[in-house]
């Protein structure tokens, strides 16, 4: 509890000091005079906090992050196509390919020039076609009477 009070006191004391306020005694004014080494430890802490806040505001990106569903669709298409070669994993290739097709079409609606989405659609449709061919071959093998 004492540490908590000490920390709160350290951060609030420089802002709410009792007595007259000397405008030349703020940490920012001392920083401008290139005499940072004469700051006491409380002022150095406040100075570091203010520098971090200024740095965060200066280099923050307020733009919303753009989600690239084309790249995600491409990764899912590659996994689906590679999954056809692995027994029992190939059952998950069809749902992955369908998800990749949906994401690829959505991305192409937003950005028709996205090559990742185009390649994802190609790989996904190829996966669906190969899955149908493989599944039909397995059905033909097991359903045809043995001669």
Protein backbone atom coordinates (compact mmCIF):
# COMPACT_ATOMS: atom_id res chain seq x y z
CA UNK A 1 0.00 0.00 0.00
CA UNK A 2 2.87 2.34 0.77
CA UNK A 3 4.38 1.75 -2.66
CA UNK A 4 1.06 2.59 -4.29
CA UNK A 5 0.79 5.86 -2.38
CA UNK A 6 4.42 6.67 -3.21
CA UNK A 7 3.84 6.06 -6.93
CA UNK A 8 0.67 8.17 -6.93
CA UNK A 9 2.50 10.90 -5.06
CA UNK A 10 5.39 10.87 -7.51
CA UNK A 11 3.11 11.34 -10.46
CA UNK A 12 0.80 13.93 -8.93
CA UNK A 13 3.30 16.02 -6.94
CA UNK A 14 4.88 17.87 -9.88
CA UNK A 15 1.44 18.80 -11.22
CA UNK A 16 -0.23 19.87 -8.00
CA UNK A 17 2.56 21.52 -6.06
CA UNK A 18 1.77 24.02 -3.34
CA UNK A 19 3.05 27.56 -3.75
CA UNK A 20 3.76 29.84 -6.63
CA UNK A 21 4.42 28.38 -10.02
CA UNK A 22 7.58 29.51 -11.74
CA UNK A 23 7.05 29.26 -15.52
CA UNK A 24 10.76 28.73 -16.09
CA UNK A 25 10.87 25.78 -13.70
CA UNK A 26 8.92 23.24 -15.79
CA UNK A 27 10.74 20.18 -17.15
CA UNK A 28 9.90 21.11 -20.72
CA UNK A 29 11.51 24.53 -20.41
CA UNK A 30 14.66 22.99 -18.96
CA UNK A 31 14.71 20.54 -21.83
CA UNK A 32 14.67 23.40 -24.32
CA UNK A 33 17.61 25.05 -22.56
CA UNK A 34 19.75 21.90 -23.06
CA UNK A 35 20.25 21.56 -19.35
CA UNK A 36 18.51 18.24 -18.82
CA UNK A 37 21.25 17.08 -16.48
CA UNK A 38 20.11 19.63 -13.86
CA UNK A 39 16.65 18.05 -13.53
CA UNK A 40 15.83 16.30 -10.29
CA UNK A 41 14.53 12.74 -10.39
CA UNK A 42 10.84 13.70 -10.22
CA UNK A 43 11.19 16.05 -13.15
CA UNK A 44 13.08 13.40 -15.13
CA UNK A 45 10.22 10.94 -14.61
CA UNK A 46 7.67 13.50 -15.74
CA UNK A 47 9.85 14.41 -18.71
CA UNK A 48 10.11 10.76 -19.81
CA UNK A 49 6.34 10.31 -19.53
CA UNK A 50 5.70 13.43 -21.60
CA UNK A 51 8.26 12.38 -24.20
CA UNK A 52 6.57 8.98 -24.57
CA UNK A 53 3.15 10.59 -24.94
CA UNK A 54 4.45 12.98 -27.59
CA UNK A 55 6.21 10.12 -29.40
CA UNK A 56 3.03 8.00 -29.40
CA UNK A 57 0.94 10.85 -30.78
CA UNK A 58 3.49 11.71 -33.44
CA UNK A 59 4.00 8.19 -34.75
CA UNK A 60 0.55 6.72 -34.17
CA UNK A 61 -1.38 5.47 -37.14
CA UNK A 62 -4.96 6.59 -36.88
CA UNK A 63 -5.84 4.86 -40.12
CA UNK A 64 -7.86 1.69 -39.70
CA UNK A 65 -6.01 -1.49 -40.51
CA UNK A 66 -6.98 -2.91 -43.86
CA UNK A 67 -7.76 -6.60 -43.79
CA UNK A 68 -6.40 -8.42 -46.81
CA UNK A 69 -8.81 -11.29 -47.27
CA UNK A 70 -7.11 -12.09 -50.57
CA UNK A 71 -3.97 -13.24 -48.78
CA UNK A 72 -6.00 -15.30 -46.31
CA UNK A 73 -7.95 -16.88 -49.15
CA UNK A 74 -4.69 -17.69 -50.93
CA UNK A 75 -3.28 -19.40 -47.83
CA UNK A 76 -6.48 -21.40 -47.36
CA UNK A 77 -6.44 -22.39 -51.05
CA UNK A 78 -2.85 -23.62 -50.82
CA UNK A 79 -3.62 -25.60 -47.65
CA UNK A 80 -6.72 -27.10 -49.27
CA UNK A 81 -4.83 -28.15 -52.38
CA UNK A 82 -1.96 -29.62 -50.37
CA UNK A 83 -4.43 -31.35 -48.06
CA UNK A 84 -5.77 -33.43 -50.97
CA UNK A 85 -2.55 -35.43 -50.94
CA UNK A 86 -2.77 -36.44 -47.28
CA UNK A 87 -5.15 -39.27 -46.38
CA UNK A 88 -7.97 -38.35 -43.96
CA UNK A 89 -6.90 -34.70 -44.11
CA UNK A 90 -8.35 -34.51 -47.61
CA UNK A 91 -11.83 -34.53 -46.05
CA UNK A 92 -11.09 -31.01 -44.72
CA UNK A 93 -9.89 -29.79 -48.11
CA UNK A 94 -13.38 -29.22 -49.49
CA UNK A 95 -14.57 -26.94 -46.64
CA UNK A 96 -11.29 -25.01 -46.78
CA UNK A 97 -11.66 -24.58 -50.53
CA UNK A 98 -15.24 -23.35 -50.15
CA UNK A 99 -14.20 -20.81 -47.50
CA UNK A 100 -11.35 -19.71 -49.76
CA UNK A 101 -13.75 -19.26 -52.69
CA UNK A 102 -16.10 -17.13 -50.59
CA UNK A 103 -13.27 -14.96 -49.25
CA UNK A 104 -11.74 -14.63 -52.71
CA UNK A 105 -15.01 -13.45 -54.27
CA UNK A 106 -15.55 -10.94 -51.47
CA UNK A 107 -12.06 -9.56 -51.92
CA UNK A 108 -12.50 -9.33 -55.69
CA UNK A 109 -15.67 -7.29 -55.15
CA UNK A 110 -13.70 -4.80 -53.05
CA UNK A 111 -10.55 -4.78 -55.16
CA UNK A 112 -10.78 -6.34 -58.65
CA UNK A 113 -7.00 -6.00 -59.17
CA UNK A 114 -6.05 -8.19 -56.20
CA UNK A 115 -3.93 -10.98 -57.65
CA UNK A 116 -3.90 -12.97 -54.41
CA UNK A 117 -7.67 -13.32 -54.57
CA UNK A 118 -7.52 -14.39 -58.23
CA UNK A 119 -4.92 -17.08 -57.53
CA UNK A 120 -6.88 -18.19 -54.46
CA UNK A 121 -9.98 -18.67 -56.58
CA UNK A 122 -8.01 -20.65 -59.15
CA UNK A 123 -6.49 -22.94 -56.50
CA UNK A 124 -9.79 -23.37 -54.70
CA UNK A 125 -11.74 -24.30 -57.82
CA UNK A 126 -8.95 -26.69 -58.76
CA UNK A 127 -9.20 -28.24 -55.29
CA UNK A 128 -12.98 -28.64 -55.62
CA UNK A 129 -12.61 -30.24 -59.06
CA UNK A 130 -9.89 -32.65 -57.91
CA UNK A 131 -11.92 -33.52 -54.81
CA UNK A 132 -14.97 -34.36 -56.94
CA UNK A 133 -12.86 -36.46 -59.34
CA UNK A 134 -11.18 -38.32 -56.48
CA UNK A 135 -14.42 -38.89 -54.62
CA UNK A 136 -16.13 -40.20 -57.78
CA UNK A 137 -13.20 -42.57 -58.45
CA UNK A 138 -13.42 -43.93 -54.93
CA UNK A 139 -17.18 -44.46 -55.35
CA UNK A 140 -16.66 -46.20 -58.67
CA UNK A 141 -14.05 -48.53 -57.21
CA UNK A 142 -16.15 -49.53 -54.23
CA UNK A 143 -19.54 -49.66 -55.95
CA UNK A 144 -18.59 -51.63 -59.06
CA UNK A 145 -19.04 -55.34 -58.61
CA UNK A 146 -15.84 -57.30 -58.46
CA UNK A 147 -15.43 -59.50 -61.52
